[in-house]
């Protein structure tokens, strides 16, 4: 049973920063690709950033240069450092992991990020 627990969301002013964390209960965390997605009210869920088992990263154009995804295999945790936050970054942020053998995907419960003055 894979469990993902996100934390670090909250209310922040425009231009501020937050760091999201996603702790995974996975036996061999290092082989999994991890990703952060977000869903704003009335919009579809979209990819924010992902990172492969080898550390290769990919970002949505809207967050390039502002967000950084990283992983700590020893702590079985993936992070999303978000800087220069904008009101349009407001959304529920979800962590996703994909089993590289079965291709099954697992999602966390989500954490709310609100950017507002």
N, C-alpha and C. Protein backbone atom coordinates (compact mmCIF):
# COMPACT_ATOMS: atom_id res chain seq x y z
N UNK A 1 0.85 -1.19 0.00
CA UNK A 1 0.00 0.00 0.00
C UNK A 1 0.89 1.24 0.00
N UNK A 2 0.75 2.05 -1.04
CA UNK A 2 1.53 3.27 -1.16
C UNK A 2 0.76 4.42 -0.53
N UNK A 3 1.40 5.15 0.34
CA UNK A 3 0.79 6.34 0.93
C UNK A 3 1.71 7.53 0.70
N UNK A 4 1.11 8.63 0.31
CA UNK A 4 1.82 9.87 0.08
C UNK A 4 1.20 10.94 0.97
N UNK A 5 2.02 11.63 1.72
CA UNK A 5 1.52 12.65 2.63
C UNK A 5 2.21 13.97 2.31
N UNK A 6 1.40 14.93 1.83
CA UNK A 6 1.94 16.25 1.50
C UNK A 6 1.85 17.17 2.71
N UNK A 7 2.73 18.14 2.74
CA UNK A 7 2.70 19.16 3.78
C UNK A 7 3.39 20.41 3.25
N UNK A 8 3.19 21.52 3.97
CA UNK A 8 3.89 22.75 3.62
C UNK A 8 3.06 23.80 2.95
N UNK A 9 1.80 23.49 2.64
CA UNK A 9 0.95 24.49 2.02
C UNK A 9 0.55 25.57 3.01
N UNK A 10 -0.12 26.60 2.48
CA UNK A 10 -0.58 27.67 3.35
C UNK A 10 -0.88 28.93 2.58
N UNK A 11 -1.02 30.01 3.32
CA UNK A 11 -1.30 31.32 2.75
C UNK A 11 -0.01 32.13 2.70
N UNK A 12 0.26 32.72 1.55
CA UNK A 12 1.48 33.51 1.39
C UNK A 12 1.16 34.71 0.50
N UNK A 13 1.88 35.79 0.72
CA UNK A 13 1.67 36.99 -0.10
C UNK A 13 2.37 36.84 -1.45
N UNK A 14 1.89 37.54 -2.45
CA UNK A 14 2.59 37.53 -3.75
C UNK A 14 4.07 37.89 -3.58
N UNK A 15 4.91 37.14 -4.29
CA UNK A 15 6.34 37.33 -4.16
C UNK A 15 6.98 36.48 -3.09
N UNK A 16 6.18 35.85 -2.28
CA UNK A 16 6.69 35.02 -1.20
C UNK A 16 7.09 33.62 -1.65
N UNK A 17 7.48 32.81 -0.67
CA UNK A 17 7.97 31.46 -0.95
C UNK A 17 7.31 30.44 -0.03
N UNK A 18 7.22 29.24 -0.53
CA UNK A 18 6.77 28.09 0.25
C UNK A 18 7.56 26.88 -0.21
N UNK A 19 7.71 25.90 0.68
CA UNK A 19 8.30 24.63 0.29
C UNK A 19 7.33 23.51 0.65
N UNK A 20 6.93 22.78 -0.36
CA UNK A 20 6.06 21.63 -0.16
C UNK A 20 6.90 20.38 0.00
N UNK A 21 6.40 19.46 0.81
CA UNK A 21 7.05 18.17 1.00
C UNK A 21 6.05 17.06 0.76
N UNK A 22 6.54 15.96 0.25
CA UNK A 22 5.70 14.77 0.04
C UNK A 22 6.50 13.57 0.54
N UNK A 23 6.04 13.01 1.63
CA UNK A 23 6.69 11.83 2.20
C UNK A 23 5.98 10.59 1.72
N UNK A 24 6.75 9.62 1.24
CA UNK A 24 6.18 8.42 0.64
C UNK A 24 6.51 7.18 1.45
N UNK A 25 5.51 6.32 1.57
CA UNK A 25 5.73 5.02 2.20
C UNK A 25 5.93 4.00 1.09
N UNK A 26 7.13 3.98 0.55
CA UNK A 26 7.46 3.09 -0.57
C UNK A 26 8.74 2.36 -0.22
N UNK A 27 8.75 1.08 -0.48
CA UNK A 27 9.91 0.29 -0.05
C UNK A 27 11.17 0.65 -0.81
N UNK A 28 11.08 0.86 -2.11
CA UNK A 28 12.26 1.22 -2.91
C UNK A 28 11.98 2.56 -3.57
N UNK A 29 11.99 3.61 -2.76
CA UNK A 29 11.62 4.95 -3.22
C UNK A 29 12.47 5.41 -4.39
N UNK A 30 13.73 5.04 -4.40
CA UNK A 30 14.67 5.61 -5.36
C UNK A 30 14.35 5.27 -6.80
N UNK A 31 13.57 4.22 -7.05
CA UNK A 31 13.31 3.83 -8.44
C UNK A 31 12.08 4.52 -9.02
N UNK A 32 11.36 5.24 -8.18
CA UNK A 32 10.11 5.85 -8.63
C UNK A 32 10.33 7.25 -9.18
N UNK A 33 9.57 7.58 -10.22
CA UNK A 33 9.46 8.96 -10.65
C UNK A 33 8.42 9.65 -9.78
N UNK A 34 8.68 10.91 -9.46
CA UNK A 34 7.79 11.67 -8.60
C UNK A 34 7.37 12.95 -9.30
N UNK A 35 6.19 13.41 -8.97
CA UNK A 35 5.73 14.64 -9.59
C UNK A 35 4.83 15.45 -8.69
N UNK A 36 4.77 16.73 -8.98
CA UNK A 36 3.83 17.65 -8.34
C UNK A 36 2.85 18.15 -9.39
N UNK A 37 1.58 18.10 -9.05
CA UNK A 37 0.52 18.61 -9.89
C UNK A 37 -0.29 19.62 -9.08
N UNK A 38 -1.09 20.40 -9.78
CA UNK A 38 -1.96 21.33 -9.07
C UNK A 38 -3.29 21.45 -9.78
N UNK A 39 -4.30 21.82 -9.00
CA UNK A 39 -5.63 22.00 -9.56
C UNK A 39 -6.26 23.23 -8.93
N UNK A 40 -6.52 24.21 -9.75
CA UNK A 40 -7.19 25.43 -9.31
C UNK A 40 -8.70 25.26 -9.48
N UNK A 41 -9.49 26.01 -8.76
CA UNK A 41 -10.95 25.89 -8.87
C UNK A 41 -11.42 26.08 -10.30
N UNK A 42 -12.22 25.15 -10.78
CA UNK A 42 -12.77 25.24 -12.12
C UNK A 42 -11.81 24.87 -13.23
N UNK A 43 -10.61 24.41 -12.87
CA UNK A 43 -9.63 24.06 -13.88
C UNK A 43 -9.22 22.60 -13.75
N UNK A 44 -8.61 22.09 -14.82
CA UNK A 44 -8.13 20.73 -14.78
C UNK A 44 -6.81 20.64 -14.01
N UNK A 45 -6.56 19.46 -13.50
CA UNK A 45 -5.29 19.22 -12.82
C UNK A 45 -4.17 19.28 -13.86
N UNK A 46 -3.07 19.95 -13.49
CA UNK A 46 -1.98 20.11 -14.43
C UNK A 46 -0.64 19.78 -13.76
N UNK A 47 0.30 19.35 -14.60
CA UNK A 47 1.64 19.06 -14.12
C UNK A 47 2.35 20.36 -13.77
N UNK A 48 3.00 20.36 -12.62
CA UNK A 48 3.84 21.49 -12.22
C UNK A 48 5.30 21.15 -12.49
N UNK A 49 5.72 20.00 -11.97
CA UNK A 49 7.11 19.57 -12.14
C UNK A 49 7.20 18.09 -11.82
N UNK A 50 8.17 17.42 -12.45
CA UNK A 50 8.42 16.05 -12.07
C UNK A 50 9.92 15.77 -12.09
N UNK A 51 10.28 14.66 -11.46
CA UNK A 51 11.68 14.29 -11.34
C UNK A 51 11.79 12.78 -11.46
N UNK A 52 12.72 12.32 -12.30
CA UNK A 52 12.88 10.90 -12.51
C UNK A 52 13.74 10.28 -11.40
N UNK A 53 13.86 8.97 -11.46
CA UNK A 53 14.70 8.28 -10.47
C UNK A 53 16.16 8.72 -10.61
N UNK A 54 16.52 9.12 -11.81
CA UNK A 54 17.89 9.58 -12.06
C UNK A 54 18.12 11.04 -11.78
N UNK A 55 17.06 11.74 -11.38
CA UNK A 55 17.18 13.14 -11.02
C UNK A 55 16.91 14.12 -12.14
N UNK A 56 16.47 13.63 -13.27
CA UNK A 56 16.14 14.54 -14.38
C UNK A 56 14.83 15.23 -14.07
N UNK A 57 14.78 16.52 -14.27
CA UNK A 57 13.60 17.31 -13.92
C UNK A 57 12.91 17.90 -15.14
N UNK A 58 11.65 18.20 -14.94
CA UNK A 58 10.82 18.78 -15.99
C UNK A 58 9.84 19.74 -15.33
N UNK A 59 9.64 20.90 -15.97
CA UNK A 59 8.78 21.93 -15.37
C UNK A 59 7.76 22.46 -16.37
N UNK A 60 6.62 22.83 -15.84
CA UNK A 60 5.66 23.56 -16.66
C UNK A 60 6.25 24.94 -16.97
N UNK A 61 5.95 25.45 -18.15
CA UNK A 61 6.49 26.75 -18.55
C UNK A 61 6.14 27.84 -17.54
N UNK A 62 4.97 27.73 -16.95
CA UNK A 62 4.50 28.78 -16.06
C UNK A 62 5.29 28.88 -14.76
N UNK A 63 6.06 27.85 -14.43
CA UNK A 63 6.81 27.87 -13.16
C UNK A 63 8.32 27.83 -13.36
N UNK A 64 8.77 27.71 -14.59
CA UNK A 64 10.22 27.64 -14.84
C UNK A 64 10.91 28.88 -14.30
N UNK A 65 12.01 28.63 -13.60
CA UNK A 65 12.78 29.73 -13.03
C UNK A 65 12.28 30.17 -11.66
N UNK A 66 11.11 29.68 -11.26
CA UNK A 66 10.56 30.06 -9.94
C UNK A 66 10.46 28.87 -9.00
N UNK A 67 10.14 27.71 -9.55
CA UNK A 67 9.96 26.50 -8.73
C UNK A 67 11.12 25.54 -8.97
N UNK A 68 11.43 24.77 -7.92
CA UNK A 68 12.47 23.75 -8.02
C UNK A 68 11.99 22.47 -7.35
N UNK A 69 12.04 21.38 -8.10
CA UNK A 69 11.69 20.08 -7.54
C UNK A 69 12.98 19.34 -7.19
N UNK A 70 12.94 18.63 -6.06
CA UNK A 70 14.11 17.86 -5.65
C UNK A 70 13.62 16.65 -4.86
N UNK A 71 14.54 15.74 -4.65
CA UNK A 71 14.17 14.54 -3.91
C UNK A 71 15.29 14.13 -2.97
N UNK A 72 14.91 13.52 -1.87
CA UNK A 72 15.85 12.95 -0.90
C UNK A 72 15.48 11.49 -0.76
N UNK A 73 16.23 10.62 -1.43
CA UNK A 73 15.88 9.20 -1.41
C UNK A 73 16.02 8.60 -0.02
N UNK A 74 16.95 9.10 0.77
CA UNK A 74 17.12 8.59 2.13
C UNK A 74 15.91 8.86 3.01
N UNK A 75 15.29 10.00 2.79
CA UNK A 75 14.09 10.37 3.56
C UNK A 75 12.81 10.00 2.83
N UNK A 76 12.93 9.45 1.63
CA UNK A 76 11.76 9.07 0.83
C UNK A 76 10.80 10.25 0.68
N UNK A 77 11.39 11.38 0.33
CA UNK A 77 10.62 12.61 0.27
C UNK A 77 10.97 13.38 -1.00
N UNK A 78 9.94 13.97 -1.58
CA UNK A 78 10.15 14.87 -2.71
C UNK A 78 9.69 16.26 -2.29
N UNK A 79 10.39 17.27 -2.76
CA UNK A 79 10.12 18.64 -2.36
C UNK A 79 9.76 19.50 -3.57
N UNK A 80 9.04 20.56 -3.30
CA UNK A 80 8.80 21.58 -4.32
C UNK A 80 9.04 22.93 -3.66
N UNK A 81 10.16 23.54 -4.02
CA UNK A 81 10.46 24.89 -3.54
C UNK A 81 9.83 25.88 -4.49
N UNK A 82 8.97 26.72 -3.96
CA UNK A 82 8.23 27.68 -4.77
C UNK A 82 8.61 29.09 -4.36
N UNK A 83 9.20 29.82 -5.28
CA UNK A 83 9.61 31.20 -5.03
C UNK A 83 8.85 32.15 -5.95
N UNK A 84 8.88 33.41 -5.61
CA UNK A 84 8.22 34.44 -6.43
C UNK A 84 6.79 34.04 -6.76
N UNK A 85 6.08 33.64 -5.75
CA UNK A 85 4.72 33.14 -5.96
C UNK A 85 3.79 34.23 -6.47
N UNK A 86 2.87 33.81 -7.33
CA UNK A 86 1.89 34.70 -7.93
C UNK A 86 0.48 34.22 -7.56
N UNK A 87 -0.47 35.11 -7.70
CA UNK A 87 -1.85 34.74 -7.36
C UNK A 87 -2.32 33.56 -8.21
N UNK A 88 -1.83 33.47 -9.44
CA UNK A 88 -2.25 32.37 -10.30
C UNK A 88 -1.65 31.03 -9.90
N UNK A 89 -0.76 31.02 -8.93
CA UNK A 89 -0.25 29.76 -8.39
C UNK A 89 -1.19 29.16 -7.35
N UNK A 90 -2.21 29.89 -6.99
CA UNK A 90 -3.18 29.40 -6.01
C UNK A 90 -3.87 28.14 -6.52
N UNK A 91 -3.80 27.08 -5.74
CA UNK A 91 -4.36 25.79 -6.16
C UNK A 91 -4.15 24.78 -5.04
N UNK A 92 -4.77 23.63 -5.22
CA UNK A 92 -4.43 22.48 -4.39
C UNK A 92 -3.30 21.74 -5.11
N UNK A 93 -2.23 21.49 -4.38
CA UNK A 93 -1.06 20.83 -4.95
C UNK A 93 -1.04 19.36 -4.51
N UNK A 94 -0.84 18.50 -5.49
CA UNK A 94 -0.85 17.07 -5.26
C UNK A 94 0.49 16.45 -5.63
N UNK A 95 0.87 15.47 -4.85
CA UNK A 95 2.06 14.67 -5.13
C UNK A 95 1.62 13.40 -5.84
N UNK A 96 2.40 12.98 -6.82
CA UNK A 96 2.08 11.77 -7.56
C UNK A 96 3.34 10.92 -7.70
N UNK A 97 3.15 9.62 -7.56
CA UNK A 97 4.26 8.69 -7.79
C UNK A 97 3.81 7.62 -8.76
N UNK A 98 4.70 7.19 -9.61
CA UNK A 98 4.39 6.17 -10.60
C UNK A 98 5.32 4.98 -10.40
N UNK A 99 4.72 3.82 -10.24
CA UNK A 99 5.49 2.59 -10.12
C UNK A 99 6.11 2.27 -11.48
N UNK A 100 7.42 2.21 -11.58
CA UNK A 100 8.04 2.01 -12.89
C UNK A 100 7.84 0.60 -13.45
N UNK A 101 7.41 -0.32 -12.64
CA UNK A 101 7.22 -1.71 -13.09
C UNK A 101 5.78 -1.94 -13.53
N UNK A 102 4.83 -1.47 -12.75
CA UNK A 102 3.41 -1.70 -13.05
C UNK A 102 2.75 -0.51 -13.75
N UNK A 103 3.43 0.64 -13.72
CA UNK A 103 2.88 1.91 -14.26
C UNK A 103 1.67 2.41 -13.47
N UNK A 104 1.42 1.83 -12.32
CA UNK A 104 0.33 2.33 -11.48
C UNK A 104 0.74 3.66 -10.87
N UNK A 105 -0.24 4.57 -10.79
CA UNK A 105 0.02 5.90 -10.23
C UNK A 105 -0.71 6.04 -8.90
N UNK A 106 -0.08 6.73 -7.98
CA UNK A 106 -0.66 6.97 -6.67
C UNK A 106 -0.59 8.46 -6.39
N UNK A 107 -1.65 8.96 -5.72
CA UNK A 107 -1.76 10.38 -5.43
C UNK A 107 -1.84 10.63 -3.94
N UNK A 108 -1.30 11.78 -3.53
CA UNK A 108 -1.49 12.23 -2.16
C UNK A 108 -2.84 12.91 -2.02
N UNK A 109 -3.12 13.38 -0.80
CA UNK A 109 -4.42 13.97 -0.51
C UNK A 109 -4.50 15.44 -0.92
N UNK A 110 -3.37 16.04 -1.19
CA UNK A 110 -3.34 17.43 -1.62
C UNK A 110 -3.09 18.40 -0.48
N UNK A 111 -2.48 19.52 -0.81
CA UNK A 111 -2.25 20.58 0.16
C UNK A 111 -2.57 21.92 -0.51
N UNK A 112 -3.31 22.76 0.19
CA UNK A 112 -3.76 24.02 -0.38
C UNK A 112 -2.66 25.07 -0.32
N UNK A 113 -2.45 25.72 -1.45
CA UNK A 113 -1.55 26.87 -1.53
C UNK A 113 -2.39 28.07 -1.99
N UNK A 114 -2.38 29.11 -1.18
CA UNK A 114 -3.12 30.32 -1.51
C UNK A 114 -2.17 31.50 -1.52
N UNK A 115 -2.12 32.19 -2.65
CA UNK A 115 -1.25 33.35 -2.80
C UNK A 115 -2.16 34.58 -2.90
N UNK A 116 -2.11 35.38 -1.85
CA UNK A 116 -3.01 36.53 -1.78
C UNK A 116 -2.46 37.57 -0.82
N UNK A 117 -2.74 38.83 -1.13
CA UNK A 117 -2.34 39.90 -0.24
C UNK A 117 -3.46 40.23 0.73
